[in-house]
Amino acid sequence: MKNRSLVTLVVALSVGVTLSACQQDNKAVEKKLDDLSKQVTDLKKMVAAGGGGRGAAPAQRPRRQEPDPKDVYAVPIDGLPFRGAADAPVTIVKAYEFACPYCEKVRPTHDQILKDYDGKVKIVYDDFVVHPQYATMPAQAACAATKQGKFPEMEHALWEKAFKTRKFDEDNMVALATELGLNVDKFKTDMKGDCVAFVQKNQATLRSFGVGATPAHFINGRFLPGGAVPYPQFKAMIDEELKKAEERIAAGTPKADYYKTWVMDKGLKKFTPKAEK
């Protein structure tokens, strides 16, 4: 069909900026979006003018490999902030950043999970900075607030008063800490001190388990594909893991040791793409 390859590319480029996860890119996000917009505009003009011929469609970038949802990965959680019961038999690790729209979008789903599975599920928050020019400072701010026992309050403030206003600068982080009644001097010291390495380490660890976009979720070590997926997809895997956990706890596994015993001790220590196996 005339100009099919060009139309296909136009659609692909248009869809490429609306994926259900925030993709990591070392280049400036704005430049990438501007370049894509220009390409789409130029190609649309070519199609309208009847140009482009009937050549082969351009090669597509290979899809990034992700962890197999059937496998269990030993994703560490020690020292990370969480919501829910400390000894919950199901642990969800959320890889996220504060500049990712889809990380914000999935928040109500997490709230519903914690309500419906009260005492049975906890959500652990793990840093994976996709947009460093925006998300690095709030990640370090959340770490510094955690050191003063104020992660839930700071997490809420960062979404409501940093993400929604796009104010990710240090001054706003300090202003939020002040509003929350934190020790501001300690907050600033931690934010620029230990929290720098803390955020970097979390990112490197998650990358070793195949994370390349946000949000990403591991439920008792099992990867949940799709990013900001609807509640039913979370529920399906949670119910599977909860059933196994309750059976193993009834058989003698201490509830408080469940994650260490069945995820950390028995899980895979890293993600190995198929090409490397």
Protein backbone atom coordinates (compact mmCIF):
# COMPACT_ATOMS: atom_id res chain seq x y z
CA MET A 1 0.00 0.00 0.00
CA LYS A 2 1.35 3.45 -0.90
CA ASN A 3 3.67 5.00 1.68
CA ARG A 4 2.87 2.22 4.16
CA SER A 5 6.39 2.24 5.61
CA LEU A 6 6.25 5.96 6.25
CA VAL A 7 2.84 5.79 7.88
CA THR A 8 4.05 2.92 10.05
CA LEU A 9 7.04 4.93 11.20
CA VAL A 10 4.89 7.97 11.94
CA VAL A 11 2.63 5.87 14.14
CA ALA A 12 5.58 4.19 15.84
CA LEU A 13 7.23 7.47 16.65
CA SER A 14 3.98 8.96 17.92
CA VAL A 15 3.27 5.99 20.15
CA GLY A 16 6.85 5.81 21.36
CA VAL A 17 6.43 8.82 23.61
CA THR A 18 3.37 7.42 25.39
CA LEU A 19 4.65 4.13 26.77
CA SER A 20 3.30 2.85 30.08
CA ALA A 21 6.66 3.31 31.80
CA CYS A 22 9.35 5.97 32.05
CA GLN A 23 12.31 4.79 29.98
CA GLN A 24 15.91 5.49 30.95
CA ASP A 25 17.88 7.67 28.53
CA ASN A 26 21.25 9.34 29.06
CA LYS A 27 20.31 12.24 26.73
CA ALA A 28 18.15 15.15 27.78
CA VAL A 29 14.50 14.18 27.70
CA GLU A 30 13.47 17.44 26.09
CA LYS A 31 15.89 16.99 23.18
CA LYS A 32 14.64 13.48 22.56
CA LEU A 33 11.02 14.61 22.48
CA ASP A 34 11.85 17.58 20.23
CA ASP A 35 13.72 15.30 17.81
CA LEU A 36 10.84 12.83 17.70
CA SER A 37 8.33 15.61 17.13
CA LYS A 38 10.39 16.98 14.24
CA GLN A 39 10.71 13.53 12.67
CA VAL A 40 6.97 12.93 12.91
CA THR A 41 6.22 16.33 11.38
CA ASP A 42 8.67 15.79 8.50
CA LEU A 43 7.38 12.31 7.77
CA LYS A 44 3.77 13.46 7.79
CA LYS A 45 4.70 16.12 5.23
CA MET A 46 6.38 13.50 3.05
CA VAL A 47 3.32 11.25 3.22
CA ALA A 48 0.99 14.13 2.36
CA ALA A 49 3.20 15.01 -0.62
CA GLY A 50 3.26 11.43 -1.83
CA GLY A 51 7.01 11.09 -1.23
CA GLY A 52 9.07 8.35 0.29
CA GLY A 53 8.67 5.65 -2.31
CA ARG A 54 7.95 2.06 -1.45
CA GLY A 55 11.20 1.10 0.25
CA ALA A 56 11.48 -1.30 3.15
CA ALA A 57 10.41 -0.13 6.58
CA PRO A 58 13.26 1.00 8.87
CA ALA A 59 14.69 -1.55 11.28
CA GLN A 60 13.05 -1.57 14.70
CA ARG A 61 15.05 -1.41 17.91
CA PRO A 62 15.04 -4.81 19.67
CA ARG A 63 12.66 -4.95 22.61
CA ARG A 64 14.47 -4.69 25.93
CA GLN A 65 14.51 -8.03 27.71
CA GLU A 66 12.81 -8.18 31.10
CA PRO A 67 12.96 -10.68 33.97
CA ASP A 68 10.77 -13.76 33.62
CA PRO A 69 7.71 -13.42 35.91
CA LYS A 70 8.01 -17.13 36.74
CA ASP A 71 11.45 -16.64 38.30
CA VAL A 72 12.16 -15.38 41.80
CA TYR A 73 14.85 -12.70 42.16
CA ALA A 74 16.64 -11.90 45.40
CA VAL A 75 15.91 -8.17 45.36
CA PRO A 76 17.30 -6.75 48.63
CA ILE A 77 15.08 -4.61 50.84
CA ASP A 78 17.19 -3.98 53.95
CA GLY A 79 17.38 -0.29 54.81
CA LEU A 80 14.67 0.72 52.36
CA PRO A 81 11.53 2.61 53.45
CA PHE A 82 8.22 0.80 53.28
CA ARG A 83 4.49 1.03 53.97
CA GLY A 84 2.49 -1.80 55.49
CA ALA A 85 3.24 -4.41 58.14
CA ALA A 86 6.93 -5.14 58.68
CA ASP A 87 6.27 -8.90 58.83
CA ALA A 88 3.81 -9.04 55.93
CA PRO A 89 4.13 -12.34 54.01
CA VAL A 90 3.97 -10.56 50.63
CA THR A 91 6.52 -7.87 49.80
CA ILE A 92 6.18 -5.62 46.76
CA VAL A 93 9.34 -3.79 45.74
CA LYS A 94 8.52 -0.68 43.74
CA ALA A 95 11.34 0.71 41.56
CA TYR A 96 10.41 4.33 41.01
CA GLU A 97 11.42 7.98 40.74
CA PHE A 98 9.64 11.22 41.56
CA ALA A 99 9.71 12.63 38.00
CA CYS A 100 7.89 9.67 36.43
CA PRO A 101 4.19 10.25 35.62
CA TYR A 102 3.44 6.53 35.65
CA CYS A 103 4.96 6.16 39.12
CA GLU A 104 2.51 8.80 40.29
CA LYS A 105 -0.34 7.20 38.37
CA VAL A 106 0.05 3.86 40.16
CA ARG A 107 -0.10 5.37 43.66
CA PRO A 108 -3.89 4.91 44.11
CA THR A 109 -3.48 1.26 43.16
CA HIS A 110 -0.87 0.83 45.87
CA ASP A 111 -3.15 2.51 48.39
CA GLN A 112 -5.94 0.11 47.48
CA ILE A 113 -3.62 -2.89 47.81
CA LEU A 114 -2.53 -1.85 51.30
CA LYS A 115 -6.16 -1.37 52.30
CA ASP A 116 -7.41 -4.67 50.87
CA TYR A 117 -4.44 -6.71 52.11
CA ASP A 118 -4.00 -5.00 55.45
CA GLY A 119 -1.23 -6.76 57.38
CA LYS A 120 -0.52 -9.15 54.51
CA VAL A 121 1.30 -6.89 52.03
CA LYS A 122 3.99 -4.27 52.40
CA ILE A 123 5.34 -2.00 49.69
CA VAL A 124 9.06 -1.23 49.69
CA TYR A 125 10.29 1.87 47.86
CA ASP A 126 13.51 1.51 45.85
CA ASP A 127 15.20 4.28 43.85
CA PHE A 128 15.66 4.01 40.09
CA VAL A 129 16.36 7.44 38.64
CA VAL A 130 15.39 7.64 34.97
CA HIS A 131 15.54 11.43 34.62
CA PRO A 132 18.61 12.41 36.69
CA GLN A 133 18.32 16.15 36.04
CA TYR A 134 14.93 16.13 37.77
CA ALA A 135 14.62 13.05 39.97
CA THR A 136 18.02 12.84 41.67
CA MET A 137 17.42 15.60 44.21
CA PRO A 138 13.98 14.35 45.38
CA ALA A 139 15.34 10.80 45.68
CA GLN A 140 18.08 12.09 47.97
CA ALA A 141 15.53 14.18 49.86
CA ALA A 142 13.36 11.12 50.47
CA CYS A 143 16.43 9.27 51.75
CA ALA A 144 17.31 12.13 54.12
CA ALA A 145 13.73 12.24 55.43
CA THR A 146 13.79 8.48 55.98
CA LYS A 147 16.77 8.93 58.28
CA GLN A 148 14.50 11.05 60.49
CA GLY A 149 11.58 8.63 60.30
CA LYS A 150 9.56 10.83 57.95
CA PHE A 151 9.52 8.92 54.67
CA PRO A 152 5.70 8.64 54.29
CA GLU A 153 5.27 12.35 54.92
CA MET A 154 8.09 13.35 52.57
CA GLU A 155 6.96 10.92 49.86
CA HIS A 156 3.50 12.48 49.91
CA ALA A 157 4.91 16.01 49.89
CA LEU A 158 7.24 15.24 46.99
CA TRP A 159 4.37 14.02 44.82
CA GLU A 160 2.02 16.83 45.78
CA LYS A 161 4.44 19.76 46.01
CA ALA A 162 7.37 18.82 43.78
CA PHE A 163 6.07 16.52 41.05
CA LYS A 164 2.82 18.42 40.45
CA THR A 165 4.60 21.78 40.43
CA ARG A 166 7.76 20.48 38.72
CA LYS A 167 9.85 22.04 41.47
CA PHE A 168 12.65 19.53 41.95
CA ASP A 169 15.36 21.97 43.04
CA GLU A 170 17.24 21.85 46.33
CA ASP A 171 15.51 24.94 47.71
CA ASN A 172 12.13 23.27 47.41
CA MET A 173 13.45 20.09 49.03
CA VAL A 174 14.63 22.14 52.01
CA ALA A 175 11.30 24.00 52.11
CA LEU A 176 9.43 20.69 52.27
CA ALA A 177 11.71 19.45 55.04
CA THR A 178 11.02 22.64 56.97
CA GLU A 179 7.24 22.20 56.54
CA LEU A 180 7.50 18.64 57.86
CA GLY A 181 9.38 19.76 60.96
CA LEU A 182 12.61 17.96 60.15
CA ASN A 183 16.00 18.90 61.50
CA VAL A 184 16.93 20.93 58.44
CA ASP A 185 20.68 21.00 59.06
CA LYS A 186 20.82 17.22 59.36
CA PHE A 187 18.49 16.89 56.37
CA LYS A 188 20.79 18.95 54.14
CA THR A 189 23.89 17.10 55.36
CA ASP A 190 22.35 13.69 54.73
CA MET A 191 20.86 14.71 51.38
CA LYS A 192 24.27 15.71 50.04
CA GLY A 193 26.19 13.08 51.99
CA ASP A 194 25.22 9.44 52.60
CA CYS A 195 22.08 9.70 50.49
CA VAL A 196 24.04 10.33 47.29
CA ALA A 197 25.70 6.90 47.48
CA PHE A 198 22.48 5.33 48.80
CA VAL A 199 20.48 6.33 45.71
CA GLN A 200 23.28 5.31 43.35
CA LYS A 201 23.60 1.90 44.99
CA ASN A 202 19.87 1.25 44.79
CA GLN A 203 19.88 2.08 41.09
CA ALA A 204 22.82 -0.22 40.34
CA THR A 205 21.20 -3.06 42.28
CA LEU A 206 17.90 -2.74 40.45
CA ARG A 207 19.66 -2.59 37.10
CA SER A 208 21.36 -5.90 37.92
CA PHE A 209 17.89 -7.42 38.22
CA GLY A 210 16.84 -6.23 34.77
CA VAL A 211 15.08 -2.98 35.65
CA GLY A 212 15.32 -0.42 32.88
CA ALA A 213 12.20 1.68 33.34
CA THR A 214 9.84 2.94 36.02
CA PRO A 215 7.68 1.95 37.66
CA ALA A 216 8.83 -1.64 37.98
CA HIS A 217 7.53 -4.10 40.57
CA PHE A 218 8.76 -7.33 42.11
CA ILE A 219 6.20 -9.26 44.18
CA ASN A 220 8.02 -11.63 46.55
CA GLY A 221 10.85 -11.51 44.03
CA ARG A 222 8.71 -12.09 40.93
CA PHE A 223 8.74 -9.41 38.26
CA LEU A 224 5.34 -7.94 37.38
CA PRO A 225 5.45 -6.84 33.71
CA GLY A 226 3.79 -3.73 32.40
CA GLY A 227 4.78 -0.82 34.65
CA ALA A 228 1.72 1.03 35.96
CA VAL A 229 -0.62 -1.94 35.51
CA PRO A 230 -4.24 -2.04 36.75
CA TYR A 231 -5.23 -3.42 40.15
CA PRO A 232 -6.37 -6.86 38.84
CA GLN A 233 -2.89 -7.66 37.54
CA PHE A 234 -1.37 -6.88 40.92
CA LYS A 235 -4.08 -8.89 42.65
CA ALA A 236 -3.50 -12.00 40.54
CA MET A 237 0.18 -12.26 41.48
CA ILE A 238 -0.38 -11.14 45.08
CA ASP A 239 -2.95 -13.89 45.58
CA GLU A 240 -0.59 -16.50 44.14
CA GLU A 241 2.24 -15.41 46.42
CA LEU A 242 0.01 -15.03 49.47
CA LYS A 243 -1.28 -18.59 49.08
CA LYS A 244 2.27 -19.98 48.88
CA ALA A 245 3.41 -17.86 51.80
CA GLU A 246 0.56 -18.93 54.07
CA GLU A 247 1.22 -22.59 53.29
CA ARG A 248 4.94 -22.25 54.00
CA ILE A 249 4.35 -20.29 57.20
CA ALA A 250 1.88 -22.95 58.36
CA ALA A 251 4.58 -25.55 57.63
CA GLY A 252 7.06 -23.82 59.91
CA THR A 253 8.67 -20.81 58.21
CA PRO A 254 8.66 -17.89 60.69
CA LYS A 255 6.47 -15.14 59.32
CA ALA A 256 9.06 -12.45 59.98
CA ASP A 257 11.70 -14.47 58.09
CA TYR A 258 9.62 -15.30 55.06
CA TYR A 259 11.21 -12.85 52.60
CA LYS A 260 14.74 -13.76 53.63
CA THR A 261 14.07 -17.50 53.53
CA TRP A 262 12.11 -17.80 50.29
CA VAL A 263 13.25 -14.75 48.31
CA MET A 264 16.70 -13.66 49.41
CA ASP A 265 18.15 -17.10 50.17
CA LYS A 266 16.55 -19.02 47.29
CA GLY A 267 16.09 -16.33 44.63
CA LEU A 268 18.30 -15.57 41.61
CA LYS A 269 21.07 -13.12 42.42
CA LYS A 270 20.84 -11.25 39.12
CA PHE A 271 18.94 -11.12 35.85
CA THR A 272 20.65 -12.82 32.92
CA PRO A 273 19.30 -11.91 29.46
CA LYS A 274 18.67 -14.90 27.21
CA ALA A 275 21.46 -13.93 24.82
CA GLU A 276 23.97 -14.31 27.67
CA LYS A 277 22.77 -17.70 28.90
